Amino acid sequence: MRSKLIELRKKKGYTQKEMADNLKIARSTYAGYESGNFYPSLRIASEIKRILKYGKDDLF
């Protein structure tokens, strides 16, 4: 999951800070998603998928 999240974010040209700002969360929280230390709520996961334009359910 985390490698796919990093790959998609970089492919879209976003930094972790930009993703966090779009999600209205701390950059450290978003970094935790990418490192696998935290898992996003369903609302945040849906927003990440929308921002990255990723339609599959297997991102998380």
PDB file of N, CA and C in Angstrom:
ATOM      1  N   MET A   1       0.816  -1.184   0.000  1.00  0.00           N
ATOM      2  CA  MET A   1       0.000   0.000   0.000  1.00  0.00           C
ATOM      3  C   MET A   1       0.857   1.243   0.000  1.00  0.00           C
ATOM      4  N   ARG A   2       1.811   1.311   0.894  1.00  0.00           N
ATOM      5  CA  ARG A   2       2.559   2.561   1.014  1.00  0.00           C
ATOM      6  C   ARG A   2       3.371   2.872  -0.231  1.00  0.00           C
ATOM      7  N   SER A   3       3.963   1.859  -0.860  1.00  0.00           N
ATOM      8  CA  SER A   3       4.740   2.132  -2.066  1.00  0.00           C
ATOM      9  C   SER A   3       3.843   2.633  -3.195  1.00  0.00           C
ATOM     10  N   LYS A   4       2.617   2.104  -3.267  1.00  0.00           N
ATOM     11  CA  LYS A   4       1.660   2.549  -4.291  1.00  0.00           C
ATOM     12  C   LYS A   4       1.253   3.998  -4.024  1.00  0.00           C
ATOM     13  N   LEU A   5       1.033   4.346  -2.771  1.00  0.00           N
ATOM     14  CA  LEU A   5       0.660   5.704  -2.403  1.00  0.00           C
ATOM     15  C   LEU A   5       1.777   6.680  -2.753  1.00  0.00           C
ATOM     16  N   ILE A   6       3.001   6.325  -2.444  1.00  0.00           N
ATOM     17  CA  ILE A   6       4.154   7.177  -2.772  1.00  0.00           C
ATOM     18  C   ILE A   6       4.283   7.314  -4.285  1.00  0.00           C
ATOM     19  N   GLU A   7       4.189   6.197  -4.980  1.00  0.00           N
ATOM     20  CA  GLU A   7       4.310   6.190  -6.449  1.00  0.00           C
ATOM     21  C   GLU A   7       3.263   7.102  -7.096  1.00  0.00           C
ATOM     22  N   LEU A   8       2.005   6.959  -6.682  1.00  0.00           N
ATOM     23  CA  LEU A   8       0.939   7.771  -7.271  1.00  0.00           C
ATOM     24  C   LEU A   8       1.108   9.254  -6.945  1.00  0.00           C
ATOM     25  N   ARG A   9       1.499   9.557  -5.710  1.00  0.00           N
ATOM     26  CA  ARG A   9       1.697  10.956  -5.321  1.00  0.00           C
ATOM     27  C   ARG A   9       2.794  11.591  -6.159  1.00  0.00           C
ATOM     28  N   LYS A  10       3.910  10.896  -6.298  1.00  0.00           N
ATOM     29  CA  LYS A  10       5.031  11.438  -7.078  1.00  0.00           C
ATOM     30  C   LYS A  10       4.673  11.544  -8.558  1.00  0.00           C
ATOM     31  N   LYS A  11       3.941  10.573  -9.066  1.00  0.00           N
ATOM     32  CA  LYS A  11       3.524  10.591 -10.471  1.00  0.00           C
ATOM     33  C   LYS A  11       2.662  11.814 -10.768  1.00  0.00           C
ATOM     34  N   LYS A  12       1.817  12.191  -9.807  1.00  0.00           N
ATOM     35  CA  LYS A  12       0.964  13.382  -9.965  1.00  0.00           C
ATOM     36  C   LYS A  12       1.713  14.673  -9.657  1.00  0.00           C
ATOM     37  N   GLY A  13       2.938  14.574  -9.143  1.00  0.00           N
ATOM     38  CA  GLY A  13       3.760  15.749  -8.893  1.00  0.00           C
ATOM     39  C   GLY A  13       3.480  16.461  -7.582  1.00  0.00           C
ATOM     40  N   TYR A  14       2.878  15.765  -6.620  1.00  0.00           N
ATOM     41  CA  TYR A  14       2.578  16.356  -5.325  1.00  0.00           C
ATOM     42  C   TYR A  14       3.681  16.047  -4.322  1.00  0.00           C
ATOM     43  N   THR A  15       3.929  16.996  -3.425  1.00  0.00           N
ATOM     44  CA  THR A  15       4.785  16.734  -2.274  1.00  0.00           C
ATOM     45  C   THR A  15       3.895  16.224  -1.145  1.00  0.00           C
ATOM     46  N   GLN A  16       4.508  15.696  -0.100  1.00  0.00           N
ATOM     47  CA  GLN A  16       3.722  15.282   1.061  1.00  0.00           C
ATOM     48  C   GLN A  16       2.991  16.484   1.655  1.00  0.00           C
ATOM     49  N   LYS A  17       3.648  17.629   1.696  1.00  0.00           N
ATOM     50  CA  LYS A  17       3.027  18.836   2.250  1.00  0.00           C
ATOM     51  C   LYS A  17       1.812  19.244   1.432  1.00  0.00           C
ATOM     52  N   GLU A  18       1.918  19.201   0.111  1.00  0.00           N
ATOM     53  CA  GLU A  18       0.779  19.559  -0.739  1.00  0.00           C
ATOM     54  C   GLU A  18      -0.396  18.602  -0.519  1.00  0.00           C
ATOM     55  N   MET A  19      -0.100  17.318  -0.395  1.00  0.00           N
ATOM     56  CA  MET A  19      -1.168  16.355  -0.130  1.00  0.00           C
ATOM     57  C   MET A  19      -1.817  16.651   1.219  1.00  0.00           C
ATOM     58  N   ALA A  20      -0.995  16.868   2.229  1.00  0.00           N
ATOM     59  CA  ALA A  20      -1.519  17.164   3.557  1.00  0.00           C
ATOM     60  C   ALA A  20      -2.365  18.433   3.545  1.00  0.00           C
ATOM     61  N   ASP A  21      -1.900  19.459   2.854  1.00  0.00           N
ATOM     62  CA  ASP A  21      -2.664  20.704   2.767  1.00  0.00           C
ATOM     63  C   ASP A  21      -4.011  20.472   2.085  1.00  0.00           C
ATOM     64  N   ASN A  22      -4.018  19.712   1.005  1.00  0.00           N
ATOM     65  CA  ASN A  22      -5.274  19.397   0.306  1.00  0.00           C
ATOM     66  C   ASN A  22      -6.238  18.618   1.189  1.00  0.00           C
ATOM     67  N   LEU A  23      -5.686  17.782   2.057  1.00  0.00           N
ATOM     68  CA  LEU A  23      -6.499  16.949   2.940  1.00  0.00           C
ATOM     69  C   LEU A  23      -6.834  17.650   4.258  1.00  0.00           C
ATOM     70  N   LYS A  24      -6.206  18.815   4.480  1.00  0.00           N
ATOM     71  CA  LYS A  24      -6.390  19.578   5.723  1.00  0.00           C
ATOM     72  C   LYS A  24      -5.954  18.775   6.948  1.00  0.00           C
ATOM     73  N   ILE A  25      -4.774  18.133   6.806  1.00  0.00           N
ATOM     74  CA  ILE A  25      -4.165  17.389   7.900  1.00  0.00           C
ATOM     75  C   ILE A  25      -2.701  17.801   7.999  1.00  0.00           C
ATOM     76  N   ALA A  26      -2.037  17.390   9.056  1.00  0.00           N
ATOM     77  CA  ALA A  26      -0.615  17.681   9.221  1.00  0.00           C
ATOM     78  C   ALA A  26       0.215  16.849   8.247  1.00  0.00           C
ATOM     79  N   ARG A  27       1.338  17.410   7.808  1.00  0.00           N
ATOM     80  CA  ARG A  27       2.223  16.682   6.908  1.00  0.00           C
ATOM     81  C   ARG A  27       2.717  15.404   7.587  1.00  0.00           C
ATOM     82  N   SER A  28       2.979  15.477   8.880  1.00  0.00           N
ATOM     83  CA  SER A  28       3.459  14.293   9.591  1.00  0.00           C
ATOM     84  C   SER A  28       2.410  13.169   9.596  1.00  0.00           C
ATOM     85  N   THR A  29       1.142  13.534   9.639  1.00  0.00           N
ATOM     86  CA  THR A  29       0.079  12.527   9.567  1.00  0.00           C
ATOM     87  C   THR A  29       0.087  11.869   8.198  1.00  0.00           C
ATOM     88  N   TYR A  30       0.178  12.691   7.149  1.00  0.00           N
ATOM     89  CA  TYR A  30       0.220  12.129   5.802  1.00  0.00           C
ATOM     90  C   TYR A  30       1.461  11.243   5.625  1.00  0.00           C
ATOM     91  N   ALA A  31       2.595  11.698   6.143  1.00  0.00           N
ATOM     92  CA  ALA A  31       3.821  10.899   6.061  1.00  0.00           C
ATOM     93  C   ALA A  31       3.626   9.561   6.766  1.00  0.00           C
ATOM     94  N   GLY A  32       2.857   9.562   7.837  1.00  0.00           N
ATOM     95  CA  GLY A  32       2.553   8.321   8.545  1.00  0.00           C
ATOM     96  C   GLY A  32       1.764   7.346   7.691  1.00  0.00           C
ATOM     97  N   TYR A  33       0.887   7.861   6.842  1.00  0.00           N
ATOM     98  CA  TYR A  33       0.154   6.991   5.913  1.00  0.00           C
ATOM     99  C   TYR A  33       1.123   6.325   4.950  1.00  0.00           C
ATOM    100  N   GLU A  34       2.054   7.121   4.433  1.00  0.00           N
ATOM    101  CA  GLU A  34       3.009   6.576   3.462  1.00  0.00           C
ATOM    102  C   GLU A  34       3.976   5.587   4.104  1.00  0.00           C
ATOM    103  N   SER A  35       4.309   5.803   5.357  1.00  0.00           N
ATOM    104  CA  SER A  35       5.256   4.905   6.029  1.00  0.00           C
ATOM    105  C   SER A  35       4.567   3.660   6.581  1.00  0.00           C
ATOM    106  N   GLY A  36       3.242   3.689   6.628  1.00  0.00           N
ATOM    107  CA  GLY A  36       2.502   2.562   7.159  1.00  0.00           C
ATOM    108  C   GLY A  36       2.301   2.622   8.666  1.00  0.00           C
ATOM    109  N   ASN A  37       2.701   3.733   9.291  1.00  0.00           N
ATOM    110  CA  ASN A  37       2.523   3.887  10.734  1.00  0.00           C
ATOM    111  C   ASN A  37       1.095   4.249  11.114  1.00  0.00           C
ATOM    112  N   PHE A  38       0.371   4.873  10.191  1.00  0.00           N
ATOM    113  CA  PHE A  38      -1.015   5.269  10.417  1.00  0.00           C
ATOM    114  C   PHE A  38      -1.854   4.824   9.226  1.00  0.00           C
ATOM    115  N   TYR A  39      -3.146   4.666   9.463  1.00  0.00           N
ATOM    116  CA  TYR A  39      -4.070   4.383   8.377  1.00  0.00           C
ATOM    117  C   TYR A  39      -5.139   5.467   8.366  1.00  0.00           C
ATOM    118  N   PRO A  40      -5.473   5.976   7.192  1.00  0.00           N
ATOM    119  CA  PRO A  40      -6.451   7.070   7.116  1.00  0.00           C
ATOM    120  C   PRO A  40      -7.876   6.590   7.394  1.00  0.00           C
ATOM    121  N   SER A  41      -8.681   7.531   7.842  1.00  0.00           N
ATOM    122  CA  SER A  41     -10.110   7.249   7.989  1.00  0.00           C
ATOM    123  C   SER A  41     -10.696   7.015   6.596  1.00  0.00           C
ATOM    124  N   LEU A  42     -11.902   6.521   6.544  1.00  0.00           N
ATOM    125  CA  LEU A  42     -12.549   6.302   5.250  1.00  0.00           C
ATOM    126  C   LEU A  42     -12.706   7.611   4.484  1.00  0.00           C
ATOM    127  N   ARG A  43     -13.019   8.682   5.180  1.00  0.00           N
ATOM    128  CA  ARG A  43     -13.180   9.988   4.527  1.00  0.00           C
ATOM    129  C   ARG A  43     -11.860  10.445   3.918  1.00  0.00           C
ATOM    130  N   ILE A  44     -10.782  10.342   4.678  1.00  0.00           N
ATOM    131  CA  ILE A  44      -9.469  10.765   4.182  1.00  0.00           C
ATOM    132  C   ILE A  44      -9.024   9.854   3.039  1.00  0.00           C
ATOM    133  N   ALA A  45      -9.241   8.549   3.173  1.00  0.00           N
ATOM    134  CA  ALA A  45      -8.866   7.613   2.107  1.00  0.00           C
ATOM    135  C   ALA A  45      -9.608   7.946   0.819  1.00  0.00           C
ATOM    136  N   SER A  46     -10.873   8.282   0.931  1.00  0.00           N
ATOM    137  CA  SER A  46     -11.660   8.662  -0.248  1.00  0.00           C
ATOM    138  C   SER A  46     -11.114   9.933  -0.875  1.00  0.00           C
ATOM    139  N   GLU A  47     -10.725  10.875  -0.050  1.00  0.00           N
ATOM    140  CA  GLU A  47     -10.155  12.129  -0.563  1.00  0.00           C
ATOM    141  C   GLU A  47      -8.820  11.880  -1.254  1.00  0.00           C
ATOM    142  N   ILE A  48      -7.992  11.023  -0.669  1.00  0.00           N
ATOM    143  CA  ILE A  48      -6.703  10.698  -1.294  1.00  0.00           C
ATOM    144  C   ILE A  48      -6.938  10.088  -2.668  1.00  0.00           C
ATOM    145  N   LYS A  49      -7.864   9.151  -2.740  1.00  0.00           N
ATOM    146  CA  LYS A  49      -8.167   8.522  -4.027  1.00  0.00           C
ATOM    147  C   LYS A  49      -8.685   9.539  -5.030  1.00  0.00           C
ATOM    148  N   ARG A  50      -9.501  10.485  -4.572  1.00  0.00           N
ATOM    149  CA  ARG A  50     -10.030  11.520  -5.462  1.00  0.00           C
ATOM    150  C   ARG A  50      -8.902  12.431  -5.958  1.00  0.00           C
ATOM    151  N   ILE A  51      -8.042  12.869  -5.050  1.00  0.00           N
ATOM    152  CA  ILE A  51      -6.943  13.770  -5.409  1.00  0.00           C
ATOM    153  C   ILE A  51      -5.993  13.093  -6.390  1.00  0.00           C
ATOM    154  N   LEU A  52      -5.668  11.840  -6.123  1.00  0.00           N
ATOM    155  CA  LEU A  52      -4.726  11.118  -6.980  1.00  0.00           C
ATOM    156  C   LEU A  52      -5.388  10.479  -8.188  1.00  0.00           C
ATOM    157  N   LYS A  53      -6.728  10.618  -8.256  1.00  0.00           N
ATOM    158  CA  LYS A  53      -7.504  10.064  -9.364  1.00  0.00           C
ATOM    159  C   LYS A  53      -7.237   8.561  -9.509  1.00  0.00           C
ATOM    160  N   TYR A  54      -7.369   7.876  -8.383  1.00  0.00           N
ATOM    161  CA  TYR A  54      -7.154   6.436  -8.318  1.00  0.00           C
ATOM    162  C   TYR A  54      -8.473   5.771  -7.982  1.00  0.00           C
ATOM    163  N   GLY A  55      -9.015   5.008  -8.889  1.00  0.00           N
ATOM    164  CA  GLY A  55     -10.351   4.471  -8.709  1.00  0.00           C
ATOM    165  C   GLY A  55     -10.446   3.126  -8.034  1.00  0.00           C
ATOM    166  N   LYS A  56      -9.381   2.366  -7.991  1.00  0.00           N
ATOM    167  CA  LYS A  56      -9.439   1.023  -7.421  1.00  0.00           C
ATOM    168  C   LYS A  56      -9.547   1.085  -5.906  1.00  0.00           C
ATOM    169  N   ASP A  57     -10.157   0.054  -5.333  1.00  0.00           N
ATOM    170  CA  ASP A  57     -10.334  -0.006  -3.884  1.00  0.00           C
ATOM    171  C   ASP A  57      -9.136  -0.579  -3.154  1.00  0.00           C
ATOM    172  N   ASP A  58      -8.113  -1.022  -3.873  1.00  0.00           N
ATOM    173  CA  ASP A  58      -7.004  -1.685  -3.209  1.00  0.00           C
ATOM    174  C   ASP A  58      -5.825  -0.755  -2.878  1.00  0.00           C
ATOM    175  N   LEU A  59      -6.058   0.547  -2.853  1.00  0.00           N
ATOM    176  CA  LEU A  59      -4.976   1.464  -2.492  1.00  0.00           C
ATOM    177  C   LEU A  59      -4.629   1.303  -1.020  1.00  0.00           C
ATOM    178  N   PHE A  60      -5.665   1.085  -0.168  1.00  0.00           N
ATOM    179  CA  PHE A  60      -5.433   0.942   1.269  1.00  0.00           C
ATOM    180  C   PHE A  60      -5.831  -0.434   1.736  1.00  0.00           C
TER     181      PHE A  60
END
